[in-house]
Protein backbone atom coordinates (compact mmCIF):
# COMPACT_ATOMS: atom_id res chain seq x y z
CA MET A 1 13.59 -32.90 3.83
CA TRP A 2 10.88 -31.62 6.22
CA LYS A 3 11.11 -34.80 8.35
CA GLN A 4 14.55 -33.72 9.53
CA LYS A 5 13.58 -30.16 10.48
CA SER A 6 13.40 -29.37 14.16
CA ALA A 7 11.23 -26.24 14.08
CA LEU A 8 9.35 -23.89 11.77
CA VAL A 9 9.73 -20.12 12.43
CA ILE A 10 7.12 -17.84 10.88
CA ASP A 11 8.10 -14.17 11.01
CA ARG A 12 5.67 -11.22 10.61
CA VAL A 13 2.63 -13.29 11.49
CA SER A 14 0.68 -10.07 11.52
CA MET A 15 0.76 -10.31 7.67
CA LEU A 16 -0.41 -13.97 7.77
CA GLY A 17 -3.89 -14.84 6.71
CA GLY A 18 -5.84 -17.67 8.30
CA ALA A 19 -6.08 -19.57 4.95
CA THR A 20 -2.31 -19.40 4.50
CA LEU A 21 -1.65 -20.72 8.01
CA PHE A 22 -4.12 -23.59 7.38
CA ASN A 23 -2.52 -24.44 3.98
CA ALA A 24 0.95 -24.49 5.61
CA ASN A 25 -0.45 -26.80 8.21
CA CYS A 26 -1.89 -29.14 5.58
CA ARG A 27 1.37 -29.12 3.56
CA LEU A 28 3.47 -29.92 6.63
CA GLN A 29 1.20 -32.70 7.64
CA ALA A 30 1.62 -34.26 4.17
CA LEU A 31 5.37 -33.63 3.97
CA ARG A 32 6.03 -35.06 7.41
CA ASP A 33 3.55 -37.95 6.83
CA CYS A 34 1.75 -37.05 10.08
CA PRO A 35 -1.82 -35.99 9.31
CA ASP A 36 -3.12 -36.22 12.88
CA LYS A 37 -0.84 -33.54 14.42
CA PRO A 38 -0.93 -29.79 13.79
CA PHE A 39 1.83 -28.76 11.32
CA GLY A 40 2.84 -32.45 11.03
CA GLY A 41 4.14 -32.46 14.61
CA ILE A 42 6.92 -29.88 14.01
CA PRO A 43 7.18 -27.21 16.68
CA VAL A 44 6.17 -23.77 15.37
CA VAL A 45 7.39 -20.42 16.55
CA LEU A 46 5.39 -17.35 15.57
CA LEU A 47 7.20 -13.99 15.61
CA MET A 48 4.53 -11.41 15.77
CA GLY A 49 5.27 -7.93 14.61
CA ASP A 50 2.82 -5.15 15.01
CA PHE A 51 -0.85 -6.07 14.12
CA TYR A 52 -1.45 -2.39 13.53
CA GLN A 53 0.98 -2.33 10.60
CA PHE A 54 0.48 -4.44 7.42
CA ALA A 55 -2.49 -6.72 7.15
CA PRO A 56 -2.41 -9.90 5.14
CA VAL A 57 -2.63 -9.35 1.40
CA LEU A 58 -5.97 -10.56 -0.04
CA GLU A 59 -6.73 -12.53 3.16
CA THR A 60 -8.29 -11.96 6.54
CA SER A 61 -5.94 -11.76 9.59
CA VAL A 62 -5.59 -14.92 11.71
CA LEU A 63 -6.99 -12.81 14.61
CA VAL A 64 -10.41 -12.65 13.02
CA ASP A 65 -12.90 -15.51 13.34
CA ARG A 66 -15.46 -15.05 10.59
CA MET A 67 -17.48 -18.12 11.36
CA VAL A 68 -20.81 -17.68 13.19
CA ASP A 69 -22.46 -21.07 13.07
CA LEU A 70 -22.39 -24.34 11.09
CA PRO A 71 -25.17 -23.53 8.60
CA TYR A 72 -23.31 -20.32 7.85
CA MET A 73 -20.02 -22.20 7.44
CA ALA A 74 -21.67 -24.61 4.96
CA SER A 75 -22.60 -21.68 2.66
CA LEU A 76 -19.04 -20.32 2.48
CA GLY A 77 -16.34 -21.05 -0.04
CA GLN A 78 -13.20 -22.98 0.42
CA ALA A 79 -11.08 -19.89 1.22
CA ALA A 80 -13.38 -18.90 4.08
CA ILE A 81 -13.41 -22.41 5.48
CA ALA A 82 -9.63 -22.56 5.20
CA HIS A 83 -9.43 -19.27 7.07
CA HIS A 84 -11.66 -20.63 9.84
CA HIS A 85 -9.35 -23.64 10.22
CA GLY A 86 -6.29 -21.34 10.26
CA HIS A 87 -7.92 -19.20 12.94
CA SER A 88 -8.51 -22.39 15.01
CA LEU A 89 -4.82 -23.22 14.59
CA TRP A 90 -3.92 -19.76 15.73
CA LEU A 91 -5.91 -20.20 18.95
CA MET A 92 -3.70 -23.22 19.81
CA PHE A 93 -0.68 -21.00 20.44
CA LYS A 94 -0.67 -20.20 24.18
CA THR A 95 2.78 -18.80 25.09
CA VAL A 96 3.15 -15.08 24.31
CA ILE A 97 6.09 -12.77 24.88
CA LEU A 98 5.33 -9.04 24.44
CA LEU A 99 7.99 -6.74 23.14
CA GLU A 100 7.36 -3.22 24.34
CA GLU A 101 10.40 -1.30 23.20
CA GLN A 102 10.46 0.46 19.76
CA VAL A 103 14.03 -0.46 18.81
CA ARG A 104 13.97 0.82 15.27
CA ALA A 105 13.53 4.48 16.37
CA ARG A 106 15.40 4.32 19.64
CA ASP A 107 18.03 6.80 18.49
CA ASP A 108 15.59 9.05 16.64
CA PRO A 109 12.85 10.46 18.91
CA GLN A 110 11.28 12.44 16.02
CA LEU A 111 10.89 9.26 13.98
CA GLY A 112 9.59 7.37 16.98
CA ALA A 113 6.92 9.93 17.60
CA LEU A 114 5.99 9.97 13.88
CA LEU A 115 5.70 6.15 13.79
CA ASP A 116 3.52 6.19 16.90
CA ARG A 117 1.15 8.72 15.33
CA VAL A 118 0.97 6.86 11.99
CA ARG A 119 0.33 3.62 13.85
CA ALA A 120 -2.54 5.31 15.72
CA GLY A 121 -3.85 7.09 12.59
CA THR A 122 -3.26 10.50 14.14
CA GLN A 123 -0.55 11.75 11.78
CA THR A 124 -0.26 15.51 11.34
CA MET A 125 0.55 17.89 8.53
CA GLU A 126 3.92 18.37 10.17
CA ASP A 127 4.51 14.62 9.73
CA LEU A 128 3.58 14.95 6.10
CA ASP A 129 5.98 17.87 5.73
CA LEU A 130 8.76 15.84 7.32
CA LEU A 131 8.09 12.87 5.10
CA ASN A 132 8.17 15.05 2.05
CA THR A 133 11.66 16.22 2.95
CA LYS A 134 12.82 12.57 2.76
CA LEU A 135 11.72 12.02 -0.85
CA VAL A 136 14.60 11.35 -3.28
CA ASP A 137 13.06 13.22 -6.20
CA ARG A 138 11.36 15.76 -3.92
CA SER A 139 7.88 15.10 -5.48
CA PRO A 140 5.41 15.87 -2.78
CA ILE A 141 3.05 13.14 -1.59
CA THR A 142 -0.42 13.50 -0.05
CA PHE A 143 -2.30 11.48 2.47
CA LYS A 144 -4.83 9.43 0.58
CA ASP A 145 -6.96 6.54 1.74
CA ASP A 146 -4.99 3.27 1.87
CA LEU A 147 -1.68 4.88 0.76
CA ARG A 148 1.38 3.31 2.30
CA ALA A 149 4.98 4.27 1.65
CA ILE A 150 7.62 1.54 2.31
CA THR A 151 11.38 1.87 2.39
CA PRO A 152 13.65 -1.15 2.64
CA LEU A 153 16.16 0.58 4.95
CA ASN A 154 15.85 3.11 7.77
CA ARG A 155 18.49 5.24 6.10
CA ASN A 156 16.08 5.80 3.19
CA ARG A 157 13.25 7.16 5.30
């Protein structure tokens, strides 16, 4: 099946860990029977997202190179080595298109300003009050370390 595919598109790469990228590479090399080319020779398009939003779950971002030197690398486990190889794959991507417009909040300046503050970590008590007015059961929330609220649709915010 993968031999007939013309491209691989990975969305929200900001949530992608280095080990996952490396494991996808290895799997595609095997599926396409092409171990000498990255991703088995299939063109890969990475759609970025905002690296200030959600980090990879239980992995390190592909942006981070945790390797210092070869002796250090030899002392690491398989996941850390896979991450390093994934980071190396990440560095192979050279063409970048930056999107600078916040489309999601284009028609809601209040939401846009709130999102900018949350992204920068400078949210205010007024932001908290606004968010509390959007709760379905009206139970107040508080800012706690590492707390994130996610809604599937903008209309639920």
